[in-house]
Amino acid sequence: MNACKWAGVNHVVYEQRLKNLMERMNEYIKDRTEAFDDLFPCKKPKFEHVKNWFKAFRFFYNYVFTNEDIGKAPLSNEQLSEWIKPILLIASMR
């Protein structure tokens, strides 16, 4: 609850089913960001840098990394602006 006060958000208690779902999502994000941080370390402890790091993570998660369940990245290339498609091509090379 102190963390909520520090962050300026309200503390809300949810039902068990939703709590389990949120805990699973948090664990998933933690695991994926840990692996992403190995490739692209976040070395500067400034908040703006961390926000940019999460933006990069979201981009890779949505457009580059293959989702095992659907066999492709969650969002399609058709939803991207033309200027970013070359960046996607470079980023997806392994």
PDB file of N, CA and C in Angstrom:
ATOM      1  N   MET A   1       0.819  -1.182   0.000  1.00  0.00           N
ATOM      2  CA  MET A   1       0.000   0.000   0.000  1.00  0.00           C
ATOM      3  C   MET A   1       0.871   1.258   0.000  1.00  0.00           C
ATOM      4  N   ASN A   2       2.019   1.223   0.666  1.00  0.00           N
ATOM      5  CA  ASN A   2       2.925   2.370   0.661  1.00  0.00           C
ATOM      6  C   ASN A   2       3.424   2.669  -0.748  1.00  0.00           C
ATOM      7  N   ALA A   3       3.645   1.615  -1.542  1.00  0.00           N
ATOM      8  CA  ALA A   3       4.089   1.810  -2.923  1.00  0.00           C
ATOM      9  C   ALA A   3       3.018   2.540  -3.723  1.00  0.00           C
ATOM     10  N   CYS A   4       1.752   2.230  -3.473  1.00  0.00           N
ATOM     11  CA  CYS A   4       0.659   2.918  -4.165  1.00  0.00           C
ATOM     12  C   CYS A   4       0.638   4.398  -3.807  1.00  0.00           C
ATOM     13  N   LYS A   5       0.810   4.696  -2.531  1.00  0.00           N
ATOM     14  CA  LYS A   5       0.844   6.101  -2.106  1.00  0.00           C
ATOM     15  C   LYS A   5       2.010   6.820  -2.766  1.00  0.00           C
ATOM     16  N   TRP A   6       3.165   6.168  -2.787  1.00  0.00           N
ATOM     17  CA  TRP A   6       4.350   6.764  -3.393  1.00  0.00           C
ATOM     18  C   TRP A   6       4.119   7.051  -4.876  1.00  0.00           C
ATOM     19  N   ALA A   7       3.444   6.105  -5.572  1.00  0.00           N
ATOM     20  CA  ALA A   7       3.197   6.255  -7.009  1.00  0.00           C
ATOM     21  C   ALA A   7       1.998   7.151  -7.305  1.00  0.00           C
ATOM     22  N   GLY A   8       1.231   7.496  -6.263  1.00  0.00           N
ATOM     23  CA  GLY A   8       0.070   8.356  -6.466  1.00  0.00           C
ATOM     24  C   GLY A   8      -1.117   7.649  -7.079  1.00  0.00           C
ATOM     25  N   VAL A   9      -1.265   6.350  -6.803  1.00  0.00           N
ATOM     26  CA  VAL A   9      -2.399   5.588  -7.323  1.00  0.00           C
ATOM     27  C   VAL A   9      -3.202   5.016  -6.161  1.00  0.00           C
ATOM     28  N   ASN A  10      -4.451   4.692  -6.445  1.00  0.00           N
ATOM     29  CA  ASN A  10      -5.312   4.106  -5.422  1.00  0.00           C
ATOM     30  C   ASN A  10      -5.041   2.619  -5.285  1.00  0.00           C
ATOM     31  N   HIS A  11      -5.066   2.132  -4.066  1.00  0.00           N
ATOM     32  CA  HIS A  11      -4.921   0.701  -3.813  1.00  0.00           C
ATOM     33  C   HIS A  11      -6.304   0.071  -3.875  1.00  0.00           C
ATOM     34  N   VAL A  12      -6.480  -0.933  -4.724  1.00  0.00           N
ATOM     35  CA  VAL A  12      -7.766  -1.597  -4.896  1.00  0.00           C
ATOM     36  C   VAL A  12      -7.561  -3.089  -4.697  1.00  0.00           C
ATOM     37  N   VAL A  13      -8.468  -3.723  -3.954  1.00  0.00           N
ATOM     38  CA  VAL A  13      -8.412  -5.168  -3.745  1.00  0.00           C
ATOM     39  C   VAL A  13      -9.400  -5.809  -4.715  1.00  0.00           C
ATOM     40  N   TYR A  14      -8.909  -6.748  -5.524  1.00  0.00           N
ATOM     41  CA  TYR A  14      -9.743  -7.407  -6.520  1.00  0.00           C
ATOM     42  C   TYR A  14     -10.085  -8.821  -6.082  1.00  0.00           C
ATOM     43  N   GLU A  15     -11.072  -9.420  -6.761  1.00  0.00           N
ATOM     44  CA  GLU A  15     -11.448 -10.806  -6.462  1.00  0.00           C
ATOM     45  C   GLU A  15     -10.306 -11.741  -6.849  1.00  0.00           C
ATOM     46  N   GLN A  16     -10.298 -12.925  -6.286  1.00  0.00           N
ATOM     47  CA  GLN A  16      -9.186 -13.863  -6.431  1.00  0.00           C
ATOM     48  C   GLN A  16      -8.881 -14.207  -7.886  1.00  0.00           C
ATOM     49  N   ARG A  17      -9.917 -14.431  -8.696  1.00  0.00           N
ATOM     50  CA  ARG A  17      -9.697 -14.811 -10.099  1.00  0.00           C
ATOM     51  C   ARG A  17      -8.938 -13.717 -10.850  1.00  0.00           C
ATOM     52  N   LEU A  18      -9.341 -12.477 -10.646  1.00  0.00           N
ATOM     53  CA  LEU A  18      -8.674 -11.367 -11.313  1.00  0.00           C
ATOM     54  C   LEU A  18      -7.271 -11.166 -10.750  1.00  0.00           C
ATOM     55  N   LYS A  19      -7.114 -11.364  -9.444  1.00  0.00           N
ATOM     56  CA  LYS A  19      -5.783 -11.253  -8.841  1.00  0.00           C
ATOM     57  C   LYS A  19      -4.837 -12.280  -9.446  1.00  0.00           C
ATOM     58  N   ASN A  20      -5.318 -13.513  -9.659  1.00  0.00           N
ATOM     59  CA  ASN A  20      -4.487 -14.555 -10.268  1.00  0.00           C
ATOM     60  C   ASN A  20      -4.080 -14.170 -11.689  1.00  0.00           C
ATOM     61  N   LEU A  21      -5.013 -13.621 -12.437  1.00  0.00           N
ATOM     62  CA  LEU A  21      -4.732 -13.204 -13.812  1.00  0.00           C
ATOM     63  C   LEU A  21      -3.697 -12.078 -13.834  1.00  0.00           C
ATOM     64  N   MET A  22      -3.858 -11.104 -12.955  1.00  0.00           N
ATOM     65  CA  MET A  22      -2.910  -9.990 -12.887  1.00  0.00           C
ATOM     66  C   MET A  22      -1.529 -10.474 -12.446  1.00  0.00           C
ATOM     67  N   GLU A  23      -1.498 -11.394 -11.494  1.00  0.00           N
ATOM     68  CA  GLU A  23      -0.218 -11.935 -11.031  1.00  0.00           C
ATOM     69  C   GLU A  23       0.486 -12.679 -12.164  1.00  0.00           C
ATOM     70  N   ARG A  24      -0.289 -13.421 -12.944  1.00  0.00           N
ATOM     71  CA  ARG A  24       0.283 -14.140 -14.086  1.00  0.00           C
ATOM     72  C   ARG A  24       0.837 -13.156 -15.118  1.00  0.00           C
ATOM     73  N   MET A  25       0.087 -12.075 -15.373  1.00  0.00           N
ATOM     74  CA  MET A  25       0.547 -11.070 -16.322  1.00  0.00           C
ATOM     75  C   MET A  25       1.823 -10.394 -15.813  1.00  0.00           C
ATOM     76  N   ASN A  26       1.852 -10.042 -14.543  1.00  0.00           N
ATOM     77  CA  ASN A  26       3.050  -9.415 -13.972  1.00  0.00           C
ATOM     78  C   ASN A  26       4.258 -10.337 -14.069  1.00  0.00           C
ATOM     79  N   GLU A  27       4.062 -11.615 -13.794  1.00  0.00           N
ATOM     80  CA  GLU A  27       5.156 -12.584 -13.877  1.00  0.00           C
ATOM     81  C   GLU A  27       5.644 -12.718 -15.323  1.00  0.00           C
ATOM     82  N   TYR A  28       4.702 -12.727 -16.275  1.00  0.00           N
ATOM     83  CA  TYR A  28       5.053 -12.811 -17.691  1.00  0.00           C
ATOM     84  C   TYR A  28       5.891 -11.601 -18.103  1.00  0.00           C
ATOM     85  N   ILE A  29       5.427 -10.409 -17.728  1.00  0.00           N
ATOM     86  CA  ILE A  29       6.166  -9.189 -18.073  1.00  0.00           C
ATOM     87  C   ILE A  29       7.539  -9.206 -17.426  1.00  0.00           C
ATOM     88  N   LYS A  30       7.603  -9.633 -16.179  1.00  0.00           N
ATOM     89  CA  LYS A  30       8.888  -9.701 -15.475  1.00  0.00           C
ATOM     90  C   LYS A  30       9.855 -10.641 -16.195  1.00  0.00           C
ATOM     91  N   ASP A  31       9.386 -11.828 -16.571  1.00  0.00           N
ATOM     92  CA  ASP A  31      10.244 -12.793 -17.265  1.00  0.00           C
ATOM     93  C   ASP A  31      10.707 -12.260 -18.615  1.00  0.00           C
ATOM     94  N   ARG A  32       9.769 -11.693 -19.389  1.00  0.00           N
ATOM     95  CA  ARG A  32      10.110 -11.213 -20.728  1.00  0.00           C
ATOM     96  C   ARG A  32      11.031  -9.997 -20.673  1.00  0.00           C
ATOM     97  N   THR A  33      10.774  -9.076 -19.752  1.00  0.00           N
ATOM     98  CA  THR A  33      11.634  -7.896 -19.674  1.00  0.00           C
ATOM     99  C   THR A  33      13.019  -8.262 -19.163  1.00  0.00           C
ATOM    100  N   GLU A  34      13.098  -9.290 -18.328  1.00  0.00           N
ATOM    101  CA  GLU A  34      14.411  -9.744 -17.847  1.00  0.00           C
ATOM    102  C   GLU A  34      15.249 -10.266 -19.013  1.00  0.00           C
ATOM    103  N   ALA A  35      14.627 -11.054 -19.888  1.00  0.00           N
ATOM    104  CA  ALA A  35      15.333 -11.569 -21.058  1.00  0.00           C
ATOM    105  C   ALA A  35      15.686 -10.429 -22.018  1.00  0.00           C
ATOM    106  N   PHE A  36      14.774  -9.482 -22.198  1.00  0.00           N
ATOM    107  CA  PHE A  36      15.012  -8.335 -23.076  1.00  0.00           C
ATOM    108  C   PHE A  36      16.146  -7.481 -22.529  1.00  0.00           C
ATOM    109  N   ASP A  37      16.213  -7.335 -21.211  1.00  0.00           N
ATOM    110  CA  ASP A  37      17.258  -6.532 -20.584  1.00  0.00           C
ATOM    111  C   ASP A  37      18.634  -7.153 -20.795  1.00  0.00           C
ATOM    112  N   ASP A  38      18.691  -8.470 -20.946  1.00  0.00           N
ATOM    113  CA  ASP A  38      19.972  -9.115 -21.243  1.00  0.00           C
ATOM    114  C   ASP A  38      20.506  -8.657 -22.601  1.00  0.00           C
ATOM    115  N   LEU A  39      19.594  -8.462 -23.560  1.00  0.00           N
ATOM    116  CA  LEU A  39      19.989  -8.022 -24.901  1.00  0.00           C
ATOM    117  C   LEU A  39      20.220  -6.514 -24.968  1.00  0.00           C
ATOM    118  N   PHE A  40      19.372  -5.760 -24.285  1.00  0.00           N
ATOM    119  CA  PHE A  40      19.415  -4.298 -24.313  1.00  0.00           C
ATOM    120  C   PHE A  40      19.377  -3.773 -22.881  1.00  0.00           C
ATOM    121  N   PRO A  41      20.505  -3.777 -22.193  1.00  0.00           N
ATOM    122  CA  PRO A  41      20.510  -3.381 -20.777  1.00  0.00           C
ATOM    123  C   PRO A  41      20.080  -1.928 -20.565  1.00  0.00           C
ATOM    124  N   CYS A  42      19.344  -1.724 -19.504  1.00  0.00           N
ATOM    125  CA  CYS A  42      18.909  -0.385 -19.095  1.00  0.00           C
ATOM    126  C   CYS A  42      19.903   0.094 -18.047  1.00  0.00           C
ATOM    127  N   LYS A  43      20.919   0.837 -18.482  1.00  0.00           N
ATOM    128  CA  LYS A  43      22.029   1.196 -17.598  1.00  0.00           C
ATOM    129  C   LYS A  43      21.827   2.521 -16.873  1.00  0.00           C
ATOM    130  N   LYS A  44      20.929   3.345 -17.365  1.00  0.00           N
ATOM    131  CA  LYS A  44      20.720   4.656 -16.738  1.00  0.00           C
ATOM    132  C   LYS A  44      19.487   4.586 -15.835  1.00  0.00           C
ATOM    133  N   PRO A  45      19.624   4.935 -14.561  1.00  0.00           N
ATOM    134  CA  PRO A  45      18.483   4.814 -13.644  1.00  0.00           C
ATOM    135  C   PRO A  45      17.484   5.968 -13.730  1.00  0.00           C
ATOM    136  N   LYS A  46      17.540   6.768 -14.752  1.00  0.00           N
ATOM    137  CA  LYS A  46      16.604   7.885 -14.877  1.00  0.00           C
ATOM    138  C   LYS A  46      15.261   7.382 -15.416  1.00  0.00           C
ATOM    139  N   PHE A  47      14.166   7.957 -14.902  1.00  0.00           N
ATOM    140  CA  PHE A  47      12.823   7.492 -15.247  1.00  0.00           C
ATOM    141  C   PHE A  47      12.556   7.601 -16.743  1.00  0.00           C
ATOM    142  N   GLU A  48      12.986   8.680 -17.378  1.00  0.00           N
ATOM    143  CA  GLU A  48      12.751   8.860 -18.815  1.00  0.00           C
ATOM    144  C   GLU A  48      13.424   7.746 -19.618  1.00  0.00           C
ATOM    145  N   HIS A  49      14.612   7.345 -19.210  1.00  0.00           N
ATOM    146  CA  HIS A  49      15.313   6.254 -19.892  1.00  0.00           C
ATOM    147  C   HIS A  49      14.545   4.944 -19.733  1.00  0.00           C
ATOM    148  N   VAL A  50      14.023   4.703 -18.551  1.00  0.00           N
ATOM    149  CA  VAL A  50      13.253   3.475 -18.305  1.00  0.00           C
ATOM    150  C   VAL A  50      11.981   3.480 -19.148  1.00  0.00           C
ATOM    151  N   LYS A  51      11.306   4.634 -19.263  1.00  0.00           N
ATOM    152  CA  LYS A  51      10.115   4.725 -20.112  1.00  0.00           C
ATOM    153  C   LYS A  51      10.465   4.402 -21.561  1.00  0.00           C
ATOM    154  N   ASN A  52      11.570   4.938 -22.051  1.00  0.00           N
ATOM    155  CA  ASN A  52      11.994   4.648 -23.427  1.00  0.00           C
ATOM    156  C   ASN A  52      12.336   3.177 -23.597  1.00  0.00           C
ATOM    157  N   TRP A  53      12.952   2.577 -22.581  1.00  0.00           N
ATOM    158  CA  TRP A  53      13.293   1.158 -22.622  1.00  0.00           C
ATOM    159  C   TRP A  53      12.020   0.323 -22.746  1.00  0.00           C
ATOM    160  N   PHE A  54      10.971   0.675 -21.972  1.00  0.00           N
ATOM    161  CA  PHE A  54       9.706  -0.062 -22.066  1.00  0.00           C
ATOM    162  C   PHE A  54       9.031   0.150 -23.416  1.00  0.00           C
ATOM    163  N   LYS A  55       9.165   1.323 -24.007  1.00  0.00           N
ATOM    164  CA  LYS A  55       8.626   1.544 -25.351  1.00  0.00           C
ATOM    165  C   LYS A  55       9.315   0.621 -26.350  1.00  0.00           C
ATOM    166  N   ALA A  56      10.639   0.494 -26.226  1.00  0.00           N
ATOM    167  CA  ALA A  56      11.379  -0.418 -27.111  1.00  0.00           C
ATOM    168  C   ALA A  56      10.942  -1.852 -26.879  1.00  0.00           C
ATOM    169  N   PHE A  57      10.749  -2.235 -25.612  1.00  0.00           N
ATOM    170  CA  PHE A  57      10.290  -3.589 -25.300  1.00  0.00           C
ATOM    171  C   PHE A  57       8.923  -3.848 -25.930  1.00  0.00           C
ATOM    172  N   ARG A  58       7.994  -2.891 -25.801  1.00  0.00           N
ATOM    173  CA  ARG A  58       6.658  -3.066 -26.384  1.00  0.00           C
ATOM    174  C   ARG A  58       6.742  -3.225 -27.897  1.00  0.00           C
ATOM    175  N   PHE A  59       7.608  -2.431 -28.544  1.00  0.00           N
ATOM    176  CA  PHE A  59       7.758  -2.541 -29.990  1.00  0.00           C
ATOM    177  C   PHE A  59       8.230  -3.944 -30.370  1.00  0.00           C
ATOM    178  N   PHE A  60       9.287  -4.421 -29.710  1.00  0.00           N
ATOM    179  CA  PHE A  60       9.805  -5.747 -30.017  1.00  0.00           C
ATOM    180  C   PHE A  60       8.775  -6.824 -29.715  1.00  0.00           C
ATOM    181  N   TYR A  61       8.076  -6.693 -28.605  1.00  0.00           N
ATOM    182  CA  TYR A  61       7.075  -7.691 -28.227  1.00  0.00           C
ATOM    183  C   TYR A  61       5.953  -7.751 -29.253  1.00  0.00           C
ATOM    184  N   ASN A  62       5.477  -6.596 -29.701  1.00  0.00           N
ATOM    185  CA  ASN A  62       4.322  -6.553 -30.593  1.00  0.00           C
ATOM    186  C   ASN A  62       4.650  -6.796 -32.059  1.00  0.00           C
ATOM    187  N   TYR A  63       5.855  -6.434 -32.509  1.00  0.00           N
ATOM    188  CA  TYR A  63       6.151  -6.492 -33.936  1.00  0.00           C
ATOM    189  C   TYR A  63       7.298  -7.417 -34.329  1.00  0.00           C
ATOM    190  N   VAL A  64       8.140  -7.819 -33.388  1.00  0.00           N
ATOM    191  CA  VAL A  64       9.324  -8.596 -33.749  1.00  0.00           C
ATOM    192  C   VAL A  64       9.268 -10.013 -33.196  1.00  0.00           C
ATOM    193  N   PHE A  65       9.103 -10.150 -31.898  1.00  0.00           N
ATOM    194  CA  PHE A  65       9.148 -11.473 -31.269  1.00  0.00           C
ATOM    195  C   PHE A  65       7.972 -12.335 -31.714  1.00  0.00           C
ATOM    196  N   THR A  66       8.244 -13.586 -31.984  1.00  0.00           N
ATOM    197  CA  THR A  66       7.209 -14.521 -32.403  1.00  0.00           C
ATOM    198  C   THR A  66       6.467 -15.060 -31.189  1.00  0.00           C
ATOM    199  N   ASN A  67       5.141 -14.959 -31.231  1.00  0.00           N
ATOM    200  CA  ASN A  67       4.303 -15.529 -30.186  1.00  0.00           C
ATOM    201  C   ASN A  67       4.162 -17.015 -30.469  1.00  0.00           C
ATOM    202  N   GLU A  68       4.491 -17.854 -29.500  1.00  0.00           N
ATOM    203  CA  GLU A  68       4.471 -19.302 -29.718  1.00  0.00           C
ATOM    204  C   GLU A  68       3.072 -19.826 -30.016  1.00  0.00           C
ATOM    205  N   ASP A  69       2.038 -19.210 -29.447  1.00  0.00           N
ATOM    206  CA  ASP A  69       0.677 -19.695 -29.648  1.00  0.00           C
ATOM    207  C   ASP A  69       0.147 -19.405 -31.045  1.00  0.00           C
ATOM    208  N   ILE A  70       0.497 -18.239 -31.604  1.00  0.00           N
ATOM    209  CA  ILE A  70      -0.048 -17.877 -32.913  1.00  0.00           C
ATOM    210  C   ILE A  70       0.980 -17.982 -34.035  1.00  0.00           C
ATOM    211  N   GLY A  71       2.242 -18.236 -33.688  1.00  0.00           N
ATOM    212  CA  GLY A  71       3.271 -18.466 -34.691  1.00  0.00           C
ATOM    213  C   GLY A  71       3.779 -17.227 -35.409  1.00  0.00           C
ATOM    214  N   LYS A  72       3.452 -16.053 -34.903  1.00  0.00           N
ATOM    215  CA  LYS A  72       3.926 -14.804 -35.501  1.00  0.00           C
ATOM    216  C   LYS A  72       3.879 -13.722 -34.433  1.00  0.00           C
ATOM    217  N   ALA A  73       4.376 -12.544 -34.777  1.00  0.00           N
ATOM    218  CA  ALA A  73       4.274 -11.412 -33.851  1.00  0.00           C
ATOM    219  C   ALA A  73       2.800 -11.021 -33.710  1.00  0.00           C
ATOM    220  N   PRO A  74       2.379 -10.555 -32.535  1.00  0.00           N
ATOM    221  CA  PRO A  74       0.960 -10.248 -32.317  1.00  0.00           C
ATOM    222  C   PRO A  74       0.363  -9.227 -33.280  1.00  0.00           C
ATOM    223  N   LEU A  75       1.125  -8.211 -33.668  1.00  0.00           N
ATOM    224  CA  LEU A  75       0.594  -7.200 -34.582  1.00  0.00           C
ATOM    225  C   LEU A  75       1.243  -7.354 -35.944  1.00  0.00           C
ATOM    226  N   SER A  76       0.460  -7.124 -36.973  1.00  0.00           N
ATOM    227  CA  SER A  76       0.960  -7.350 -38.327  1.00  0.00           C
ATOM    228  C   SER A  76       1.702  -6.129 -38.856  1.00  0.00           C
ATOM    229  N   ASN A  77       2.512  -6.367 -39.853  1.00  0.00           N
ATOM    230  CA  ASN A  77       3.288  -5.293 -40.478  1.00  0.00           C
ATOM    231  C   ASN A  77       2.396  -4.271 -41.176  1.00  0.00           C
ATOM    232  N   GLU A  78       1.190  -4.670 -41.558  1.00  0.00           N
ATOM    233  CA  GLU A  78       0.293  -3.742 -42.241  1.00  0.00           C
ATOM    234  C   GLU A  78      -0.105  -2.584 -41.331  1.00  0.00           C
ATOM    235  N   GLN A  79      -0.020  -2.789 -40.027  1.00  0.00           N
ATOM    236  CA  GLN A  79      -0.404  -1.740 -39.080  1.00  0.00           C
ATOM    237  C   GLN A  79       0.730  -0.744 -38.828  1.00  0.00           C
ATOM    238  N   LEU A  80       1.877  -0.966 -39.425  1.00  0.00           N
ATOM    239  CA  LEU A  80       3.034  -0.098 -39.215  1.00  0.00           C
ATOM    240  C   LEU A  80       3.099   1.006 -40.263  1.00  0.00           C
ATOM    241  N   SER A  81       3.671   2.134 -39.878  1.00  0.00           N
ATOM    242  CA  SER A  81       3.963   3.195 -40.837  1.00  0.00           C
ATOM    243  C   SER A  81       5.100   2.718 -41.741  1.00  0.00           C
ATOM    244  N   GLU A  82       5.135   3.241 -42.949  1.00  0.00           N
ATOM    245  CA  GLU A  82       6.153   2.816 -43.917  1.00  0.00           C
ATOM    246  C   GLU A  82       7.574   3.085 -43.429  1.00  0.00           C
ATOM    247  N   TRP A  83       7.794   4.193 -42.720  1.00  0.00           N
ATOM    248  CA  TRP A  83       9.144   4.561 -42.296  1.00  0.00           C
ATOM    249  C   TRP A  83       9.732   3.581 -41.295  1.00  0.00           C
ATOM    250  N   ILE A  84       8.884   2.832 -40.593  1.00  0.00           N
ATOM    251  CA  ILE A  84       9.408   1.955 -39.542  1.00  0.00           C
ATOM    252  C   ILE A  84       9.653   0.525 -40.045  1.00  0.00           C
ATOM    253  N   LYS A  85       9.139   0.187 -41.203  1.00  0.00           N
ATOM    254  CA  LYS A  85       9.305  -1.179 -41.717  1.00  0.00           C
ATOM    255  C   LYS A  85      10.768  -1.585 -41.904  1.00  0.00           C
ATOM    256  N   PRO A  86      11.664  -0.714 -42.399  1.00  0.00           N
ATOM    257  CA  PRO A  86      13.083  -1.115 -42.473  1.00  0.00           C
ATOM    258  C   PRO A  86      13.695  -1.385 -41.091  1.00  0.00           C
ATOM    259  N   ILE A  87      13.260  -0.618 -40.094  1.00  0.00           N
ATOM    260  CA  ILE A  87      13.752  -0.850 -38.731  1.00  0.00           C
ATOM    261  C   ILE A  87      13.295  -2.218 -38.246  1.00  0.00           C
ATOM    262  N   LEU A  88      12.053  -2.565 -38.538  1.00  0.00           N
ATOM    263  CA  LEU A  88      11.524  -3.876 -38.159  1.00  0.00           C
ATOM    264  C   LEU A  88      12.327  -4.989 -38.819  1.00  0.00           C
ATOM    265  N   LEU A  89      12.657  -4.827 -40.085  1.00  0.00           N
ATOM    266  CA  LEU A  89      13.438  -5.835 -40.799  1.00  0.00           C
ATOM    267  C   LEU A  89      14.796  -6.042 -40.136  1.00  0.00           C
ATOM    268  N   ILE A  90      15.470  -4.955 -39.805  1.00  0.00           N
ATOM    269  CA  ILE A  90      16.781  -5.051 -39.146  1.00  0.00           C
ATOM    270  C   ILE A  90      16.642  -5.666 -37.761  1.00  0.00           C
ATOM    271  N   ALA A  91      15.619  -5.248 -37.012  1.00  0.00           N
ATOM    272  CA  ALA A  91      15.433  -5.730 -35.640  1.00  0.00           C
ATOM    273  C   ALA A  91      15.088  -7.207 -35.592  1.00  0.00           C
ATOM    274  N   SER A  92      14.447  -7.728 -36.632  1.00  0.00           N
ATOM    275  CA  SER A  92      14.028  -9.126 -36.604  1.00  0.00           C
ATOM    276  C   SER A  92      15.121 -10.087 -37.058  1.00  0.00           C
ATOM    277  N   MET A  93      16.246  -9.585 -37.539  1.00  0.00           N
ATOM    278  CA  MET A  93      17.353 -10.455 -37.951  1.00  0.00           C
ATOM    279  C   MET A  93      18.002 -11.072 -36.726  1.00  0.00           C
ATOM    280  N   ARG A  94      18.247 -12.361 -36.799  1.00  0.00           N
ATOM    281  CA  ARG A  94      18.868 -13.049 -35.656  1.00  0.00           C
ATOM    282  C   ARG A  94      20.029 -13.866 -36.133  1.00  0.00           C
TER     283      ARG A  94
END
